[in-house]
Amino acid sequence: MSTRKREKAPYVSNLEFKKDSLTFVLGDTDTAMANSLRRVMMAEVPTMAIDLVEIEQNTSPLHDEYLSHRLGLIPLLSHDVDEYRYNRVCVPRLLPSIPPLFCSYFVYFHLFHMILPFS
């Protein structure tokens, strides 16, 4: 007789499937398998994020690197995310300063803080 337990096969049951989400149950498995599945799903979902920040003048007490990092953590919503290409598949043009179409998106801000005197 074998003292080894009979292991059940992991299963996934679909509970709800929508255009932009899937809810499911992963059963009869350990946390390592669930974490592996979570990591693959997070890596393969296309997302948009702020990648490069150029600060011309910073008069705040916060360092430029800290501000850049915090801007990169802002979640961006894009309805056209499927049209954009990953950086690894973009082919550079003759002018490296101009990125190929659908590889980058530029946003320019001019922010200032005005101190008003107390009345």
C-alpha atoms as a PDB file:
ATOM      1  CA  MET A   1       0.000   0.000   0.000  1.00  0.00           C
ATOM      2  CA  SER A   2       1.167   3.474  -0.802  1.00  0.00           C
ATOM      3  CA  THR A   3       1.150   6.068   1.950  1.00  0.00           C
ATOM      4  CA  ARG A   4       1.134   8.860  -0.616  1.00  0.00           C
ATOM      5  CA  LYS A   5      -2.037  10.901  -0.856  1.00  0.00           C
ATOM      6  CA  ARG A   6      -3.901  10.913  -4.112  1.00  0.00           C
ATOM      7  CA  GLU A   7      -3.645  14.457  -5.502  1.00  0.00           C
ATOM      8  CA  LYS A   8      -6.579  16.008  -7.268  1.00  0.00           C
ATOM      9  CA  ALA A   9      -6.044  17.815 -10.542  1.00  0.00           C
ATOM     10  CA  PRO A  10      -6.355  21.604 -10.385  1.00  0.00           C
ATOM     11  CA  TYR A  11      -9.413  23.056 -12.057  1.00  0.00           C
ATOM     12  CA  VAL A  12     -10.642  26.439 -13.267  1.00  0.00           C
ATOM     13  CA  SER A  13     -14.327  27.179 -13.447  1.00  0.00           C
ATOM     14  CA  ASN A  14     -15.593  30.273 -15.240  1.00  0.00           C
ATOM     15  CA  LEU A  15     -18.032  32.263 -13.227  1.00  0.00           C
ATOM     16  CA  GLU A  16     -18.379  35.443 -15.259  1.00  0.00           C
ATOM     17  CA  PHE A  17     -16.877  36.538 -18.571  1.00  0.00           C
ATOM     18  CA  LYS A  18     -17.189  40.137 -19.786  1.00  0.00           C
ATOM     19  CA  LYS A  19     -15.470  42.211 -22.442  1.00  0.00           C
ATOM     20  CA  ASP A  20     -12.891  43.571 -20.033  1.00  0.00           C
ATOM     21  CA  SER A  21     -12.875  41.098 -17.141  1.00  0.00           C
ATOM     22  CA  LEU A  22     -13.025  37.438 -16.242  1.00  0.00           C
ATOM     23  CA  THR A  23     -14.000  36.112 -12.847  1.00  0.00           C
ATOM     24  CA  PHE A  24     -13.052  32.516 -12.108  1.00  0.00           C
ATOM     25  CA  VAL A  25     -12.327  30.048  -9.338  1.00  0.00           C
ATOM     26  CA  LEU A  26      -9.049  28.145  -9.233  1.00  0.00           C
ATOM     27  CA  GLY A  27      -9.477  25.062  -7.110  1.00  0.00           C
ATOM     28  CA  ASP A  28      -7.526  22.078  -5.796  1.00  0.00           C
ATOM     29  CA  THR A  29      -4.160  23.762  -6.086  1.00  0.00           C
ATOM     30  CA  ASP A  30      -1.583  25.423  -3.881  1.00  0.00           C
ATOM     31  CA  THR A  31      -0.656  29.083  -3.514  1.00  0.00           C
ATOM     32  CA  ALA A  32       2.456  28.724  -5.682  1.00  0.00           C
ATOM     33  CA  MET A  33       0.342  27.728  -8.683  1.00  0.00           C
ATOM     34  CA  ALA A  34      -2.140  30.560  -8.045  1.00  0.00           C
ATOM     35  CA  ASN A  35       0.698  33.083  -7.717  1.00  0.00           C
ATOM     36  CA  SER A  36       2.293  31.851 -10.955  1.00  0.00           C
ATOM     37  CA  LEU A  37      -0.995  32.272 -12.787  1.00  0.00           C
ATOM     38  CA  ARG A  38      -1.424  35.757 -11.295  1.00  0.00           C
ATOM     39  CA  ARG A  39       2.061  36.806 -12.427  1.00  0.00           C
ATOM     40  CA  VAL A  40       1.475  35.602 -15.993  1.00  0.00           C
ATOM     41  CA  MET A  41      -1.853  37.425 -16.197  1.00  0.00           C
ATOM     42  CA  MET A  42      -0.324  40.670 -14.915  1.00  0.00           C
ATOM     43  CA  ALA A  43       2.578  40.451 -17.357  1.00  0.00           C
ATOM     44  CA  GLU A  44       0.425  39.792 -20.419  1.00  0.00           C
ATOM     45  CA  VAL A  45      -2.296  42.400 -19.913  1.00  0.00           C
ATOM     46  CA  PRO A  46      -1.476  45.464 -22.026  1.00  0.00           C
ATOM     47  CA  THR A  47      -1.139  48.596 -19.910  1.00  0.00           C
ATOM     48  CA  MET A  48      -0.085  52.176 -20.387  1.00  0.00           C
ATOM     49  CA  ALA A  49       2.122  54.043 -17.929  1.00  0.00           C
ATOM     50  CA  ILE A  50       4.191  57.190 -17.728  1.00  0.00           C
ATOM     51  CA  ASP A  51       7.713  56.084 -18.594  1.00  0.00           C
ATOM     52  CA  LEU A  52       9.842  59.173 -19.230  1.00  0.00           C
ATOM     53  CA  VAL A  53       9.491  62.458 -17.354  1.00  0.00           C
ATOM     54  CA  GLU A  54      11.568  65.530 -18.087  1.00  0.00           C
ATOM     55  CA  ILE A  55      11.364  68.257 -15.453  1.00  0.00           C
ATOM     56  CA  GLU A  56      12.713  71.641 -16.521  1.00  0.00           C
ATOM     57  CA  GLN A  57      12.452  73.507 -13.223  1.00  0.00           C
ATOM     58  CA  ASN A  58      11.498  72.081  -9.846  1.00  0.00           C
ATOM     59  CA  THR A  59      11.002  74.507  -6.997  1.00  0.00           C
ATOM     60  CA  SER A  60       9.305  71.989  -4.723  1.00  0.00           C
ATOM     61  CA  PRO A  61      11.049  70.256  -1.810  1.00  0.00           C
ATOM     62  CA  LEU A  62      10.629  66.902  -3.621  1.00  0.00           C
ATOM     63  CA  HIS A  63      13.403  65.472  -5.798  1.00  0.00           C
ATOM     64  CA  ASP A  64      12.858  65.115  -9.548  1.00  0.00           C
ATOM     65  CA  GLU A  65      13.345  61.332  -9.376  1.00  0.00           C
ATOM     66  CA  TYR A  66      10.700  61.031  -6.671  1.00  0.00           C
ATOM     67  CA  LEU A  67       8.198  63.025  -8.726  1.00  0.00           C
ATOM     68  CA  SER A  68       8.970  60.961 -11.843  1.00  0.00           C
ATOM     69  CA  HIS A  69       8.492  57.723  -9.933  1.00  0.00           C
ATOM     70  CA  ARG A  70       5.179  58.903  -8.455  1.00  0.00           C
ATOM     71  CA  LEU A  71       3.916  59.935 -11.907  1.00  0.00           C
ATOM     72  CA  GLY A  72       4.765  56.450 -13.203  1.00  0.00           C
ATOM     73  CA  LEU A  73       2.494  54.926 -10.542  1.00  0.00           C
ATOM     74  CA  ILE A  74      -0.598  56.769 -11.801  1.00  0.00           C
ATOM     75  CA  PRO A  75      -2.934  54.292 -13.537  1.00  0.00           C
ATOM     76  CA  LEU A  76      -3.811  55.478 -17.043  1.00  0.00           C
ATOM     77  CA  LEU A  77      -7.060  54.533 -18.733  1.00  0.00           C
ATOM     78  CA  SER A  78      -6.941  54.090 -22.501  1.00  0.00           C
ATOM     79  CA  HIS A  79      -9.696  52.793 -24.710  1.00  0.00           C
ATOM     80  CA  ASP A  80      -7.157  52.435 -27.557  1.00  0.00           C
ATOM     81  CA  VAL A  81      -4.571  50.388 -25.656  1.00  0.00           C
ATOM     82  CA  ASP A  82      -4.891  47.506 -28.154  1.00  0.00           C
ATOM     83  CA  GLU A  83      -3.729  49.802 -30.989  1.00  0.00           C
ATOM     84  CA  TYR A  84      -0.441  50.655 -29.300  1.00  0.00           C
ATOM     85  CA  ARG A  85       2.640  48.514 -29.775  1.00  0.00           C
ATOM     86  CA  TYR A  86       5.082  47.294 -27.177  1.00  0.00           C
ATOM     87  CA  ASN A  87       8.446  49.045 -27.235  1.00  0.00           C
ATOM     88  CA  ARG A  88      10.158  45.778 -28.093  1.00  0.00           C
ATOM     89  CA  VAL A  89       8.318  45.549 -31.450  1.00  0.00           C
ATOM     90  CA  CYS A  90       8.688  49.207 -32.473  1.00  0.00           C
ATOM     91  CA  VAL A  91      11.135  49.832 -35.303  1.00  0.00           C
ATOM     92  CA  PRO A  92      13.076  53.100 -34.972  1.00  0.00           C
ATOM     93  CA  ARG A  93      12.751  55.673 -37.739  1.00  0.00           C
ATOM     94  CA  LEU A  94      15.500  57.627 -39.450  1.00  0.00           C
ATOM     95  CA  LEU A  95      15.094  60.397 -36.872  1.00  0.00           C
ATOM     96  CA  PRO A  96      15.483  58.791 -33.427  1.00  0.00           C
ATOM     97  CA  SER A  97      13.906  61.813 -31.723  1.00  0.00           C
ATOM     98  CA  ILE A  98      10.550  61.023 -33.376  1.00  0.00           C
ATOM     99  CA  PRO A  99       9.140  57.664 -32.235  1.00  0.00           C
ATOM    100  CA  PRO A 100       7.114  55.471 -34.613  1.00  0.00           C
ATOM    101  CA  LEU A 101       3.345  55.822 -34.690  1.00  0.00           C
ATOM    102  CA  PHE A 102       1.472  54.075 -31.839  1.00  0.00           C
ATOM    103  CA  CYS A 103       4.671  53.435 -29.875  1.00  0.00           C
ATOM    104  CA  SER A 104       4.563  56.530 -27.702  1.00  0.00           C
ATOM    105  CA  TYR A 105       2.153  59.138 -26.546  1.00  0.00           C
ATOM    106  CA  PHE A 106       3.321  62.588 -25.562  1.00  0.00           C
ATOM    107  CA  VAL A 107       1.692  64.834 -22.992  1.00  0.00           C
ATOM    108  CA  TYR A 108       3.081  68.219 -22.077  1.00  0.00           C
ATOM    109  CA  PHE A 109       2.182  70.013 -18.852  1.00  0.00           C
ATOM    110  CA  HIS A 110       2.986  73.465 -17.649  1.00  0.00           C
ATOM    111  CA  LEU A 111       2.297  73.444 -13.937  1.00  0.00           C
ATOM    112  CA  PHE A 112       2.782  76.267 -11.512  1.00  0.00           C
ATOM    113  CA  HIS A 113       1.820  77.113  -7.986  1.00  0.00           C
ATOM    114  CA  MET A 114       0.804  80.629  -7.107  1.00  0.00           C
ATOM    115  CA  ILE A 115       1.020  81.805  -3.505  1.00  0.00           C
ATOM    116  CA  LEU A 116      -1.683  84.309  -2.697  1.00  0.00           C
ATOM    117  CA  PRO A 117      -1.228  86.718   0.212  1.00  0.00           C
ATOM    118  CA  PHE A 118      -3.524  86.377   3.184  1.00  0.00           C
ATOM    119  CA  SER A 119      -6.404  88.873   3.255  1.00  0.00           C
END
